[in-house]
């Protein structure tokens, strides 16, 4: 079925971000796949499992839908480029954006300055202490060890998304290191569904509007 687009055209001002919260489980996968570029379709098809293909299609298709509202252009014609860390951008697009999805949830941050956002589904099957020892500072590891076992996993993911959001805002990705802080940069938690953790990072003083995306079919 064809997708109908909301009539309103959103806009953001300096020092302000929109964060779109999306439930990908309600995504019209077939319609969204029609919006993708050939290289995005090829990337989707390289996933081994159909559910992973569907999640990629839903995330990239929804990214196109939302950004098209800011640009005033059709979602199919958006052309993405990527920096050295794989962060997408649109040449000539006056706004910055960053996307993260995990499980059935997706977040998209849009603003007039560099921004990073990260979302993770909290998993209880991981050895978070081993992961922390590989990526966290000693004082952060000590903090985790001081917590009751049942609280460690949640705290680990809260710290992880904060570090990832900052790395993505800086445009370096995880390979650039997961610094806890950087002068003049602020990291804040984002309210998401139970069982998830999320953070947003940007430089200076800024505010956020949380918006819920609904598919119009």
Protein backbone atom coordinates (compact mmCIF):
# COMPACT_ATOMS: atom_id res chain seq x y z
CA UNK A 1 0.00 0.00 0.00
CA UNK A 2 1.28 3.54 -0.70
CA UNK A 3 2.48 5.68 2.19
CA UNK A 4 0.71 8.96 2.93
CA UNK A 5 2.92 11.71 4.34
CA UNK A 6 1.95 13.98 7.24
CA UNK A 7 1.05 17.51 6.07
CA UNK A 8 3.12 19.48 8.58
CA UNK A 9 6.75 20.30 7.76
CA UNK A 10 8.93 20.29 10.90
CA UNK A 11 11.83 22.68 11.45
CA UNK A 12 14.46 23.14 14.15
CA UNK A 13 16.32 26.23 15.37
CA UNK A 14 19.88 26.64 16.61
CA UNK A 15 20.47 24.93 19.95
CA UNK A 16 17.44 22.69 19.58
CA UNK A 17 16.94 19.08 18.52
CA UNK A 18 14.06 16.89 17.50
CA UNK A 19 14.32 13.27 18.57
CA UNK A 20 11.90 11.01 16.74
CA UNK A 21 10.89 7.79 18.49
CA UNK A 22 9.76 5.04 16.13
CA UNK A 23 8.22 1.61 16.74
CA UNK A 24 9.62 -0.40 13.83
CA UNK A 25 7.34 -3.35 14.56
CA UNK A 26 4.49 -1.35 12.97
CA UNK A 27 6.51 -0.41 9.87
CA UNK A 28 5.07 -1.15 6.39
CA UNK A 29 8.16 -3.03 5.22
CA UNK A 30 7.14 -3.45 1.60
CA UNK A 31 6.30 0.22 1.10
CA UNK A 32 9.47 1.35 2.85
CA UNK A 33 11.63 -0.95 0.73
CA UNK A 34 10.35 0.88 -2.36
CA UNK A 35 11.92 4.09 -1.00
CA UNK A 36 15.46 2.70 -0.75
CA UNK A 37 18.32 3.29 -3.16
CA UNK A 38 19.83 0.26 -4.98
CA UNK A 39 22.83 0.20 -2.64
CA UNK A 40 20.56 0.24 0.44
CA UNK A 41 18.49 -2.61 -1.00
CA UNK A 42 21.69 -4.56 -1.62
CA UNK A 43 22.82 -3.94 1.96
CA UNK A 44 19.48 -5.19 3.27
CA UNK A 45 19.72 -8.35 1.19
CA UNK A 46 23.15 -9.17 2.62
CA UNK A 47 21.64 -9.77 6.06
CA UNK A 48 21.31 -13.49 6.70
CA UNK A 49 18.04 -13.46 8.60
CA UNK A 50 14.77 -11.98 7.24
CA UNK A 51 14.05 -10.13 10.49
CA UNK A 52 17.37 -8.30 10.23
CA UNK A 53 16.62 -7.43 6.62
CA UNK A 54 13.23 -6.06 7.65
CA UNK A 55 14.72 -3.98 10.48
CA UNK A 56 17.30 -2.42 8.16
CA UNK A 57 14.65 -1.66 5.53
CA UNK A 58 12.34 -0.16 8.15
CA UNK A 59 15.07 2.01 9.68
CA UNK A 60 16.45 3.35 6.40
CA UNK A 61 13.03 3.83 4.86
CA UNK A 62 11.80 5.69 7.93
CA UNK A 63 14.96 7.80 7.96
CA UNK A 64 14.14 8.85 4.40
CA UNK A 65 10.51 9.58 5.28
CA UNK A 66 11.35 11.82 8.23
CA UNK A 67 14.22 13.71 6.60
CA UNK A 68 12.11 14.31 3.50
CA UNK A 69 9.71 16.32 5.66
CA UNK A 70 12.51 18.71 6.64
CA UNK A 71 13.85 18.95 3.09
CA UNK A 72 10.49 19.24 1.37
CA UNK A 73 11.60 16.62 -1.14
CA UNK A 74 10.54 13.09 -2.00
CA UNK A 75 12.18 10.43 0.22
CA UNK A 76 13.26 8.37 -2.79
CA UNK A 77 15.55 11.10 -4.13
CA UNK A 78 17.63 11.68 -1.00
CA UNK A 79 21.28 10.86 -1.64
CA UNK A 80 23.45 9.87 1.32
CA UNK A 81 27.20 10.12 1.70
CA UNK A 82 29.29 8.69 4.56
CA UNK A 83 32.23 9.96 6.58
CA UNK A 84 35.25 7.81 7.46
CA UNK A 85 33.42 6.34 10.46
CA UNK A 86 30.38 5.43 8.32
CA UNK A 87 28.15 8.23 9.63
CA UNK A 88 25.66 9.24 6.89
CA UNK A 89 25.02 12.79 5.78
CA UNK A 90 23.30 14.51 2.85
CA UNK A 91 25.48 16.96 0.89
CA UNK A 92 23.96 20.43 1.02
CA UNK A 93 21.44 19.42 3.70
CA UNK A 94 21.42 22.28 6.26
CA UNK A 95 20.62 20.02 9.22
CA UNK A 96 22.57 17.34 11.05
CA UNK A 97 21.03 13.99 11.89
CA UNK A 98 21.92 10.72 13.57
CA UNK A 99 20.09 7.41 13.70
CA UNK A 100 20.16 4.43 16.04
CA UNK A 101 17.98 1.35 16.17
CA UNK A 102 17.92 -1.76 18.32
CA UNK A 103 15.32 -4.49 18.63
CA UNK A 104 12.03 -3.03 17.43
CA UNK A 105 12.85 0.56 18.43
CA UNK A 106 14.48 3.42 16.51
CA UNK A 107 15.59 6.94 17.40
CA UNK A 108 16.45 9.73 14.98
CA UNK A 109 17.95 13.03 16.14
CA UNK A 110 17.71 16.08 13.86
CA UNK A 111 19.24 19.49 14.54
CA UNK A 112 21.32 22.35 13.20
CA UNK A 113 24.60 21.15 14.74
CA UNK A 114 26.53 17.90 15.12
CA UNK A 115 24.62 15.35 17.17
CA UNK A 116 24.98 11.74 18.22
CA UNK A 117 22.32 9.39 19.50
CA UNK A 118 22.51 5.79 20.64
CA UNK A 119 19.85 3.25 21.55
CA UNK A 120 20.41 -0.25 22.89
CA UNK A 121 18.07 -3.01 23.97
CA UNK A 122 19.14 -4.09 27.44
CA UNK A 123 20.37 -7.67 27.23
CA UNK A 124 20.77 -9.88 30.28
CA UNK A 125 22.78 -12.56 28.48
CA UNK A 126 26.01 -10.54 28.36
CA UNK A 127 28.98 -10.52 30.72
CA UNK A 128 28.92 -6.76 31.24
CA UNK A 129 32.00 -6.76 33.47
CA UNK A 130 34.12 -8.31 30.73
CA UNK A 131 32.77 -5.77 28.24
CA UNK A 132 33.41 -2.92 30.65
CA UNK A 133 37.01 -4.04 31.17
CA UNK A 134 37.53 -3.83 27.42
CA UNK A 135 35.98 -0.38 26.94
CA UNK A 136 35.51 1.47 30.25
CA UNK A 137 37.83 3.43 32.52
CA UNK A 138 38.94 1.88 35.81
CA UNK A 139 36.66 4.06 37.94
CA UNK A 140 33.68 3.10 35.78
CA UNK A 141 34.49 -0.58 36.19
CA UNK A 142 34.78 -0.10 39.94
CA UNK A 143 31.35 1.57 39.95
CA UNK A 144 29.81 -1.43 38.19
CA UNK A 145 31.47 -3.86 40.59
CA UNK A 146 30.09 -1.89 43.55
CA UNK A 147 26.50 -2.43 42.38
CA UNK A 148 24.28 -5.34 43.21
CA UNK A 149 24.43 -7.93 40.43
CA UNK A 150 20.84 -7.28 39.33
CA UNK A 151 21.64 -3.56 38.79
CA UNK A 152 24.88 -3.94 36.84
CA UNK A 153 23.41 -4.71 33.43
CA UNK A 154 21.12 -1.68 33.39
CA UNK A 155 23.92 0.64 34.53
CA UNK A 156 26.32 -0.81 31.96
CA UNK A 157 23.93 -0.07 29.09
CA UNK A 158 23.23 3.45 30.39
CA UNK A 159 26.97 4.13 30.38
CA UNK A 160 27.45 2.43 27.02
CA UNK A 161 24.83 4.49 25.17
CA UNK A 162 26.26 7.68 26.66
CA UNK A 163 29.72 6.85 25.33
CA UNK A 164 28.40 5.76 21.94
CA UNK A 165 26.27 8.91 21.56
CA UNK A 166 29.30 11.10 22.26
CA UNK A 167 31.51 9.15 19.86
CA UNK A 168 28.87 9.42 17.14
CA UNK A 169 28.43 13.15 17.74
CA UNK A 170 32.18 13.57 17.30
CA UNK A 171 31.97 11.53 14.10
CA UNK A 172 34.51 8.93 15.19
CA UNK A 173 32.36 5.87 15.91
CA UNK A 174 33.25 3.15 18.36
CA UNK A 175 36.70 2.61 16.83
CA UNK A 176 37.60 6.14 17.86
CA UNK A 177 37.23 5.22 21.52
CA UNK A 178 34.43 5.50 24.05
CA UNK A 179 35.37 8.57 26.04
CA UNK A 180 33.23 9.31 29.08
CA UNK A 181 33.30 13.09 28.70
CA UNK A 182 34.60 15.87 26.47
CA UNK A 183 34.78 19.54 27.47
CA UNK A 184 31.78 21.61 26.33
CA UNK A 185 29.89 18.52 25.15
CA UNK A 186 26.76 17.39 26.99
CA UNK A 187 25.30 13.87 27.08
CA UNK A 188 21.74 13.32 28.26
CA UNK A 189 19.51 10.25 28.61
CA UNK A 190 16.48 9.88 26.34
CA UNK A 191 13.15 8.48 27.54
CA UNK A 192 12.45 5.26 25.64
CA UNK A 193 10.43 2.08 26.03
CA UNK A 194 11.08 -0.20 29.03
CA UNK A 195 13.94 -2.58 28.34
CA UNK A 196 15.95 -0.02 26.35
CA UNK A 197 18.57 2.61 27.17
CA UNK A 198 19.34 5.70 25.09
CA UNK A 199 21.37 8.91 25.15
CA UNK A 200 21.91 11.99 23.00
CA UNK A 201 25.10 14.09 22.82
CA UNK A 202 25.88 17.52 21.38
CA UNK A 203 28.11 20.51 22.06
CA UNK A 204 27.11 23.54 24.10
CA UNK A 205 23.69 24.41 25.52
CA UNK A 206 20.69 22.83 23.82
CA UNK A 207 17.18 21.50 24.31
CA UNK A 208 15.28 18.51 22.95
CA UNK A 209 11.73 17.81 21.81
CA UNK A 210 10.71 14.14 21.86
CA UNK A 211 8.39 13.29 18.99
CA UNK A 212 6.63 10.02 18.17
CA UNK A 213 6.54 8.97 14.53
CA UNK A 214 3.39 7.28 13.19
CA UNK A 215 3.16 5.65 9.77
CA UNK A 216 0.35 7.03 7.61
CA UNK A 217 -0.79 4.30 5.24
